[in-house]
Amino acid sequence: MPKFPGLSGKDIVRALEKIGFQVARQSGSHIMMKRGGKGCVVPNHKEVKVGTVNGLLRQAEVTAEDFQKALLN
């Protein structure tokens, strides 16, 4: 899996929205996103650790390549 260093919670949310996810709700500093029956929790922090990003991509069933393309657009 590629590494995604230096991403903020806002960057991740923006990329997931491009893929088709929508913000379902927010509880504190955690944003719950949904697409159909799949979802993930994005920590709204200034910098999200690489392992956390990879974990939420697995949780959302999004490939690293699709996520990378959404980040670049």
PDB file of N, CA and C in Angstrom:
ATOM      1  N   MET A   1       0.830  -1.177   0.000  1.00  0.00           N
ATOM      2  CA  MET A   1       0.000   0.000   0.000  1.00  0.00           C
ATOM      3  C   MET A   1       0.875   1.241   0.000  1.00  0.00           C
ATOM      4  N   PRO A   2       0.550   2.238  -0.836  1.00  0.00           N
ATOM      5  CA  PRO A   2       1.357   3.452  -0.822  1.00  0.00           C
ATOM      6  C   PRO A   2       1.179   4.225   0.479  1.00  0.00           C
ATOM      7  N   LYS A   3       2.157   5.026   0.766  1.00  0.00           N
ATOM      8  CA  LYS A   3       2.076   5.844   1.974  1.00  0.00           C
ATOM      9  C   LYS A   3       1.534   7.218   1.613  1.00  0.00           C
ATOM     10  N   PHE A   4       0.781   7.798   2.522  1.00  0.00           N
ATOM     11  CA  PHE A   4       0.186   9.107   2.320  1.00  0.00           C
ATOM     12  C   PHE A   4       0.601  10.022   3.463  1.00  0.00           C
ATOM     13  N   PRO A   5       1.851  10.513   3.444  1.00  0.00           N
ATOM     14  CA  PRO A   5       2.306  11.355   4.552  1.00  0.00           C
ATOM     15  C   PRO A   5       1.753  12.765   4.464  1.00  0.00           C
ATOM     16  N   GLY A   6       1.552  13.377   5.608  1.00  0.00           N
ATOM     17  CA  GLY A   6       1.185  14.775   5.675  1.00  0.00           C
ATOM     18  C   GLY A   6      -0.235  15.122   5.292  1.00  0.00           C
ATOM     19  N   LEU A   7      -1.148  14.178   5.334  1.00  0.00           N
ATOM     20  CA  LEU A   7      -2.542  14.467   4.996  1.00  0.00           C
ATOM     21  C   LEU A   7      -3.295  14.938   6.236  1.00  0.00           C
ATOM     22  N   SER A   8      -4.149  15.929   6.038  1.00  0.00           N
ATOM     23  CA  SER A   8      -5.011  16.371   7.128  1.00  0.00           C
ATOM     24  C   SER A   8      -6.368  15.697   6.995  1.00  0.00           C
ATOM     25  N   GLY A   9      -7.176  15.803   8.023  1.00  0.00           N
ATOM     26  CA  GLY A   9      -8.523  15.244   7.976  1.00  0.00           C
ATOM     27  C   GLY A   9      -9.342  15.875   6.864  1.00  0.00           C
ATOM     28  N   LYS A  10      -9.162  17.188   6.649  1.00  0.00           N
ATOM     29  CA  LYS A  10      -9.892  17.886   5.581  1.00  0.00           C
ATOM     30  C   LYS A  10      -9.511  17.349   4.210  1.00  0.00           C
ATOM     31  N   ASP A  11      -8.212  17.069   4.005  1.00  0.00           N
ATOM     32  CA  ASP A  11      -7.755  16.517   2.726  1.00  0.00           C
ATOM     33  C   ASP A  11      -8.402  15.162   2.461  1.00  0.00           C
ATOM     34  N   ILE A  12      -8.471  14.338   3.486  1.00  0.00           N
ATOM     35  CA  ILE A  12      -9.034  12.999   3.351  1.00  0.00           C
ATOM     36  C   ILE A  12     -10.524  13.086   3.045  1.00  0.00           C
ATOM     37  N   VAL A  13     -11.242  13.940   3.775  1.00  0.00           N
ATOM     38  CA  VAL A  13     -12.684  14.100   3.551  1.00  0.00           C
ATOM     39  C   VAL A  13     -12.940  14.578   2.132  1.00  0.00           C
ATOM     40  N   ARG A  14     -12.170  15.548   1.660  1.00  0.00           N
ATOM     41  CA  ARG A  14     -12.337  16.090   0.307  1.00  0.00           C
ATOM     42  C   ARG A  14     -12.126  15.001  -0.741  1.00  0.00           C
ATOM     43  N   ALA A  15     -11.091  14.180  -0.567  1.00  0.00           N
ATOM     44  CA  ALA A  15     -10.808  13.108  -1.524  1.00  0.00           C
ATOM     45  C   ALA A  15     -11.913  12.056  -1.503  1.00  0.00           C
ATOM     46  N   LEU A  16     -12.391  11.689  -0.317  1.00  0.00           N
ATOM     47  CA  LEU A  16     -13.457  10.691  -0.228  1.00  0.00           C
ATOM     48  C   LEU A  16     -14.759  11.217  -0.829  1.00  0.00           C
ATOM     49  N   GLU A  17     -15.015  12.502  -0.706  1.00  0.00           N
ATOM     50  CA  GLU A  17     -16.217  13.081  -1.320  1.00  0.00           C
ATOM     51  C   GLU A  17     -16.141  12.987  -2.837  1.00  0.00           C
ATOM     52  N   LYS A  18     -14.947  13.135  -3.403  1.00  0.00           N
ATOM     53  CA  LYS A  18     -14.770  12.993  -4.851  1.00  0.00           C
ATOM     54  C   LYS A  18     -15.036  11.561  -5.301  1.00  0.00           C
ATOM     55  N   ILE A  19     -14.787  10.600  -4.418  1.00  0.00           N
ATOM     56  CA  ILE A  19     -15.013   9.191  -4.737  1.00  0.00           C
ATOM     57  C   ILE A  19     -16.488   8.830  -4.607  1.00  0.00           C
ATOM     58  N   GLY A  20     -17.257   9.640  -3.888  1.00  0.00           N
ATOM     59  CA  GLY A  20     -18.685   9.374  -3.763  1.00  0.00           C
ATOM     60  C   GLY A  20     -19.193   9.261  -2.338  1.00  0.00           C
ATOM     61  N   PHE A  21     -18.330   9.456  -1.367  1.00  0.00           N
ATOM     62  CA  PHE A  21     -18.745   9.405   0.036  1.00  0.00           C
ATOM     63  C   PHE A  21     -19.397  10.729   0.423  1.00  0.00           C
ATOM     64  N   GLN A  22     -20.261  10.668   1.425  1.00  0.00           N
ATOM     65  CA  GLN A  22     -20.892  11.861   1.969  1.00  0.00           C
ATOM     66  C   GLN A  22     -20.704  11.865   3.479  1.00  0.00           C
ATOM     67  N   VAL A  23     -20.615  13.058   4.030  1.00  0.00           N
ATOM     68  CA  VAL A  23     -20.502  13.184   5.478  1.00  0.00           C
ATOM     69  C   VAL A  23     -21.854  12.830   6.084  1.00  0.00           C
ATOM     70  N   ALA A  24     -21.868  11.788   6.919  1.00  0.00           N
ATOM     71  CA  ALA A  24     -23.102  11.357   7.563  1.00  0.00           C
ATOM     72  C   ALA A  24     -23.334  12.162   8.841  1.00  0.00           C
ATOM     73  N   ARG A  25     -22.268  12.303   9.632  1.00  0.00           N
ATOM     74  CA  ARG A  25     -22.367  13.064  10.871  1.00  0.00           C
ATOM     75  C   ARG A  25     -20.965  13.291  11.402  1.00  0.00           C
ATOM     76  N   GLN A  26     -20.887  14.118  12.426  1.00  0.00           N
ATOM     77  CA  GLN A  26     -19.615  14.378  13.084  1.00  0.00           C
ATOM     78  C   GLN A  26     -19.819  14.332  14.577  1.00  0.00           C
ATOM     79  N   SER A  27     -18.908  13.659  15.261  1.00  0.00           N
ATOM     80  CA  SER A  27     -18.938  13.580  16.706  1.00  0.00           C
ATOM     81  C   SER A  27     -17.567  14.009  17.219  1.00  0.00           C
ATOM     82  N   GLY A  28     -17.492  15.211  17.741  1.00  0.00           N
ATOM     83  CA  GLY A  28     -16.201  15.729  18.192  1.00  0.00           C
ATOM     84  C   GLY A  28     -15.277  15.938  17.020  1.00  0.00           C
ATOM     85  N   SER A  29     -14.107  15.327  17.073  1.00  0.00           N
ATOM     86  CA  SER A  29     -13.139  15.501  15.987  1.00  0.00           C
ATOM     87  C   SER A  29     -13.145  14.318  15.019  1.00  0.00           C
ATOM     88  N   HIS A  30     -14.216  13.536  15.019  1.00  0.00           N
ATOM     89  CA  HIS A  30     -14.310  12.396  14.108  1.00  0.00           C
ATOM     90  C   HIS A  30     -15.501  12.566  13.172  1.00  0.00           C
ATOM     91  N   ILE A  31     -15.226  12.431  11.878  1.00  0.00           N
ATOM     92  CA  ILE A  31     -16.246  12.606  10.853  1.00  0.00           C
ATOM     93  C   ILE A  31     -16.616  11.235  10.306  1.00  0.00           C
ATOM     94  N   MET A  32     -17.909  10.891  10.360  1.00  0.00           N
ATOM     95  CA  MET A  32     -18.393   9.631   9.839  1.00  0.00           C
ATOM     96  C   MET A  32     -18.858   9.854   8.405  1.00  0.00           C
ATOM     97  N   MET A  33     -18.306   9.060   7.488  1.00  0.00           N
ATOM     98  CA  MET A  33     -18.647   9.198   6.077  1.00  0.00           C
ATOM     99  C   MET A  33     -19.268   7.906   5.580  1.00  0.00           C
ATOM    100  N   LYS A  34     -20.231   8.021   4.655  1.00  0.00           N
ATOM    101  CA  LYS A  34     -20.939   6.855   4.126  1.00  0.00           C
ATOM    102  C   LYS A  34     -21.030   6.924   2.611  1.00  0.00           C
ATOM    103  N   ARG A  35     -21.029   5.736   2.005  1.00  0.00           N
ATOM    104  CA  ARG A  35     -21.317   5.561   0.578  1.00  0.00           C
ATOM    105  C   ARG A  35     -22.042   4.234   0.468  1.00  0.00           C
ATOM    106  N   GLY A  36     -23.332   4.321   0.210  1.00  0.00           N
ATOM    107  CA  GLY A  36     -24.124   3.096   0.193  1.00  0.00           C
ATOM    108  C   GLY A  36     -24.114   2.457   1.566  1.00  0.00           C
ATOM    109  N   GLY A  37     -23.748   1.192   1.624  1.00  0.00           N
ATOM    110  CA  GLY A  37     -23.680   0.487   2.896  1.00  0.00           C
ATOM    111  C   GLY A  37     -22.314   0.543   3.551  1.00  0.00           C
ATOM    112  N   LYS A  38     -21.351   1.159   2.884  1.00  0.00           N
ATOM    113  CA  LYS A  38     -19.985   1.232   3.404  1.00  0.00           C
ATOM    114  C   LYS A  38     -19.738   2.579   4.054  1.00  0.00           C
ATOM    115  N   GLY A  39     -18.870   2.573   5.033  1.00  0.00           N
ATOM    116  CA  GLY A  39     -18.549   3.817   5.706  1.00  0.00           C
ATOM    117  C   GLY A  39     -17.184   3.775   6.334  1.00  0.00           C
ATOM    118  N   CYS A  40     -16.763   4.924   6.824  1.00  0.00           N
ATOM    119  CA  CYS A  40     -15.484   5.008   7.518  1.00  0.00           C
ATOM    120  C   CYS A  40     -15.518   6.222   8.444  1.00  0.00           C
ATOM    121  N   VAL A  41     -14.585   6.241   9.365  1.00  0.00           N
ATOM    122  CA  VAL A  41     -14.465   7.331  10.325  1.00  0.00           C
ATOM    123  C   VAL A  41     -13.143   8.044  10.057  1.00  0.00           C
ATOM    124  N   VAL A  42     -13.221   9.347   9.808  1.00  0.00           N
ATOM    125  CA  VAL A  42     -12.034  10.143   9.504  1.00  0.00           C
ATOM    126  C   VAL A  42     -11.749  11.064  10.686  1.00  0.00           C
ATOM    127  N   PRO A  43     -10.558  10.957  11.281  1.00  0.00           N
ATOM    128  CA  PRO A  43     -10.216  11.891  12.352  1.00  0.00           C
ATOM    129  C   PRO A  43      -9.930  13.260  11.749  1.00  0.00           C
ATOM    130  N   ASN A  44     -10.548  14.289  12.269  1.00  0.00           N
ATOM    131  CA  ASN A  44     -10.379  15.645  11.751  1.00  0.00           C
ATOM    132  C   ASN A  44      -9.214  16.304  12.469  1.00  0.00           C
ATOM    133  N   HIS A  45      -8.000  15.839  12.154  1.00  0.00           N
ATOM    134  CA  HIS A  45      -6.789  16.344  12.781  1.00  0.00           C
ATOM    135  C   HIS A  45      -5.943  17.067  11.745  1.00  0.00           C
ATOM    136  N   LYS A  46      -4.975  17.850  12.203  1.00  0.00           N
ATOM    137  CA  LYS A  46      -4.085  18.567  11.285  1.00  0.00           C
ATOM    138  C   LYS A  46      -3.257  17.597  10.463  1.00  0.00           C
ATOM    139  N   GLU A  47      -2.795  16.515  11.080  1.00  0.00           N
ATOM    140  CA  GLU A  47      -2.041  15.501  10.363  1.00  0.00           C
ATOM    141  C   GLU A  47      -2.497  14.124  10.856  1.00  0.00           C
ATOM    142  N   VAL A  48      -2.902  13.292   9.910  1.00  0.00           N
ATOM    143  CA  VAL A  48      -3.370  11.941  10.215  1.00  0.00           C
ATOM    144  C   VAL A  48      -2.235  10.973   9.893  1.00  0.00           C
ATOM    145  N   LYS A  49      -1.957  10.062  10.801  1.00  0.00           N
ATOM    146  CA  LYS A  49      -0.859   9.120  10.616  1.00  0.00           C
ATOM    147  C   LYS A  49      -1.136   8.189   9.442  1.00  0.00           C
ATOM    148  N   VAL A  50      -0.052   7.723   8.832  1.00  0.00           N
ATOM    149  CA  VAL A  50      -0.133   6.876   7.640  1.00  0.00           C
ATOM    150  C   VAL A  50      -0.916   5.598   7.909  1.00  0.00           C
ATOM    151  N   GLY A  51      -0.675   4.974   9.033  1.00  0.00           N
ATOM    152  CA  GLY A  51      -1.386   3.734   9.371  1.00  0.00           C
ATOM    153  C   GLY A  51      -2.877   3.962   9.535  1.00  0.00           C
ATOM    154  N   THR A  52      -3.252   5.110  10.051  1.00  0.00           N
ATOM    155  CA  THR A  52      -4.662   5.452  10.212  1.00  0.00           C
ATOM    156  C   THR A  52      -5.323   5.632   8.848  1.00  0.00           C
ATOM    157  N   VAL A  53      -4.629   6.301   7.929  1.00  0.00           N
ATOM    158  CA  VAL A  53      -5.160   6.495   6.575  1.00  0.00           C
ATOM    159  C   VAL A  53      -5.359   5.146   5.891  1.00  0.00           C
ATOM    160  N   ASN A  54      -4.365   4.288   5.973  1.00  0.00           N
ATOM    161  CA  ASN A  54      -4.478   2.966   5.357  1.00  0.00           C
ATOM    162  C   ASN A  54      -5.613   2.164   5.982  1.00  0.00           C
ATOM    163  N   GLY A  55      -5.803   2.283   7.285  1.00  0.00           N
ATOM    164  CA  GLY A  55      -6.880   1.573   7.969  1.00  0.00           C
ATOM    165  C   GLY A  55      -8.256   2.065   7.554  1.00  0.00           C
ATOM    166  N   LEU A  56      -8.404   3.365   7.412  1.00  0.00           N
ATOM    167  CA  LEU A  56      -9.726   3.867   7.030  1.00  0.00           C
ATOM    168  C   LEU A  56     -10.030   3.558   5.566  1.00  0.00           C
ATOM    169  N   LEU A  57      -8.997   3.447   4.723  1.00  0.00           N
ATOM    170  CA  LEU A  57      -9.232   3.028   3.334  1.00  0.00           C
ATOM    171  C   LEU A  57      -9.698   1.578   3.276  1.00  0.00           C
ATOM    172  N   ARG A  58      -9.126   0.741   4.121  1.00  0.00           N
ATOM    173  CA  ARG A  58      -9.589  -0.663   4.201  1.00  0.00           C
ATOM    174  C   ARG A  58     -11.019  -0.704   4.711  1.00  0.00           C
ATOM    175  N   GLN A  59     -11.321   0.087   5.714  1.00  0.00           N
ATOM    176  CA  GLN A  59     -12.659   0.134   6.296  1.00  0.00           C
ATOM    177  C   GLN A  59     -13.682   0.588   5.252  1.00  0.00           C
ATOM    178  N   ALA A  60     -13.310   1.547   4.408  1.00  0.00           N
ATOM    179  CA  ALA A  60     -14.218   2.084   3.400  1.00  0.00           C
ATOM    180  C   ALA A  60     -14.206   1.261   2.114  1.00  0.00           C
ATOM    181  N   GLU A  61     -13.300   0.293   2.030  1.00  0.00           N
ATOM    182  CA  GLU A  61     -13.129  -0.535   0.835  1.00  0.00           C
ATOM    183  C   GLU A  61     -12.816   0.315  -0.392  1.00  0.00           C
ATOM    184  N   VAL A  62     -11.856   1.217  -0.226  1.00  0.00           N
ATOM    185  CA  VAL A  62     -11.374   2.068  -1.308  1.00  0.00           C
ATOM    186  C   VAL A  62      -9.930   1.677  -1.580  1.00  0.00           C
ATOM    187  N   THR A  63      -9.582   1.514  -2.852  1.00  0.00           N
ATOM    188  CA  THR A  63      -8.209   1.163  -3.182  1.00  0.00           C
ATOM    189  C   THR A  63      -7.318   2.393  -3.034  1.00  0.00           C
ATOM    190  N   ALA A  64      -6.059   2.132  -2.765  1.00  0.00           N
ATOM    191  CA  ALA A  64      -5.099   3.220  -2.607  1.00  0.00           C
ATOM    192  C   ALA A  64      -4.958   4.005  -3.908  1.00  0.00           C
ATOM    193  N   GLU A  65      -5.066   3.327  -5.042  1.00  0.00           N
ATOM    194  CA  GLU A  65      -4.947   3.997  -6.334  1.00  0.00           C
ATOM    195  C   GLU A  65      -6.110   4.977  -6.559  1.00  0.00           C
ATOM    196  N   ASP A  66      -7.338   4.530  -6.242  1.00  0.00           N
ATOM    197  CA  ASP A  66      -8.499   5.427  -6.383  1.00  0.00           C
ATOM    198  C   ASP A  66      -8.370   6.640  -5.457  1.00  0.00           C
ATOM    199  N   PHE A  67      -7.903   6.397  -4.245  1.00  0.00           N
ATOM    200  CA  PHE A  67      -7.727   7.473  -3.284  1.00  0.00           C
ATOM    201  C   PHE A  67      -6.665   8.455  -3.768  1.00  0.00           C
ATOM    202  N   GLN A  68      -5.570   7.918  -4.306  1.00  0.00           N
ATOM    203  CA  GLN A  68      -4.479   8.753  -4.825  1.00  0.00           C
ATOM    204  C   GLN A  68      -4.979   9.642  -5.978  1.00  0.00           C
ATOM    205  N   LYS A  69      -5.782   9.071  -6.877  1.00  0.00           N
ATOM    206  CA  LYS A  69      -6.332   9.846  -8.002  1.00  0.00           C
ATOM    207  C   LYS A  69      -7.242  10.960  -7.485  1.00  0.00           C
ATOM    208  N   ALA A  70      -8.057  10.669  -6.476  1.00  0.00           N
ATOM    209  CA  ALA A  70      -8.957  11.675  -5.914  1.00  0.00           C
ATOM    210  C   ALA A  70      -8.160  12.786  -5.235  1.00  0.00           C
ATOM    211  N   LEU A  71      -7.034  12.458  -4.623  1.00  0.00           N
ATOM    212  CA  LEU A  71      -6.204  13.468  -3.977  1.00  0.00           C
ATOM    213  C   LEU A  71      -5.589  14.421  -5.000  1.00  0.00           C
ATOM    214  N   LEU A  72      -5.219  13.891  -6.155  1.00  0.00           N
ATOM    215  CA  LEU A  72      -4.545  14.693  -7.165  1.00  0.00           C
ATOM    216  C   LEU A  72      -5.503  15.576  -7.963  1.00  0.00           C
ATOM    217  N   ASN A  73      -6.785  15.229  -7.988  1.00  0.00           N
ATOM    218  CA  ASN A  73      -7.758  16.023  -8.751  1.00  0.00           C
ATOM    219  C   ASN A  73      -8.250  17.186  -7.961  1.00  0.00           C
TER     220      ASN A  73
END
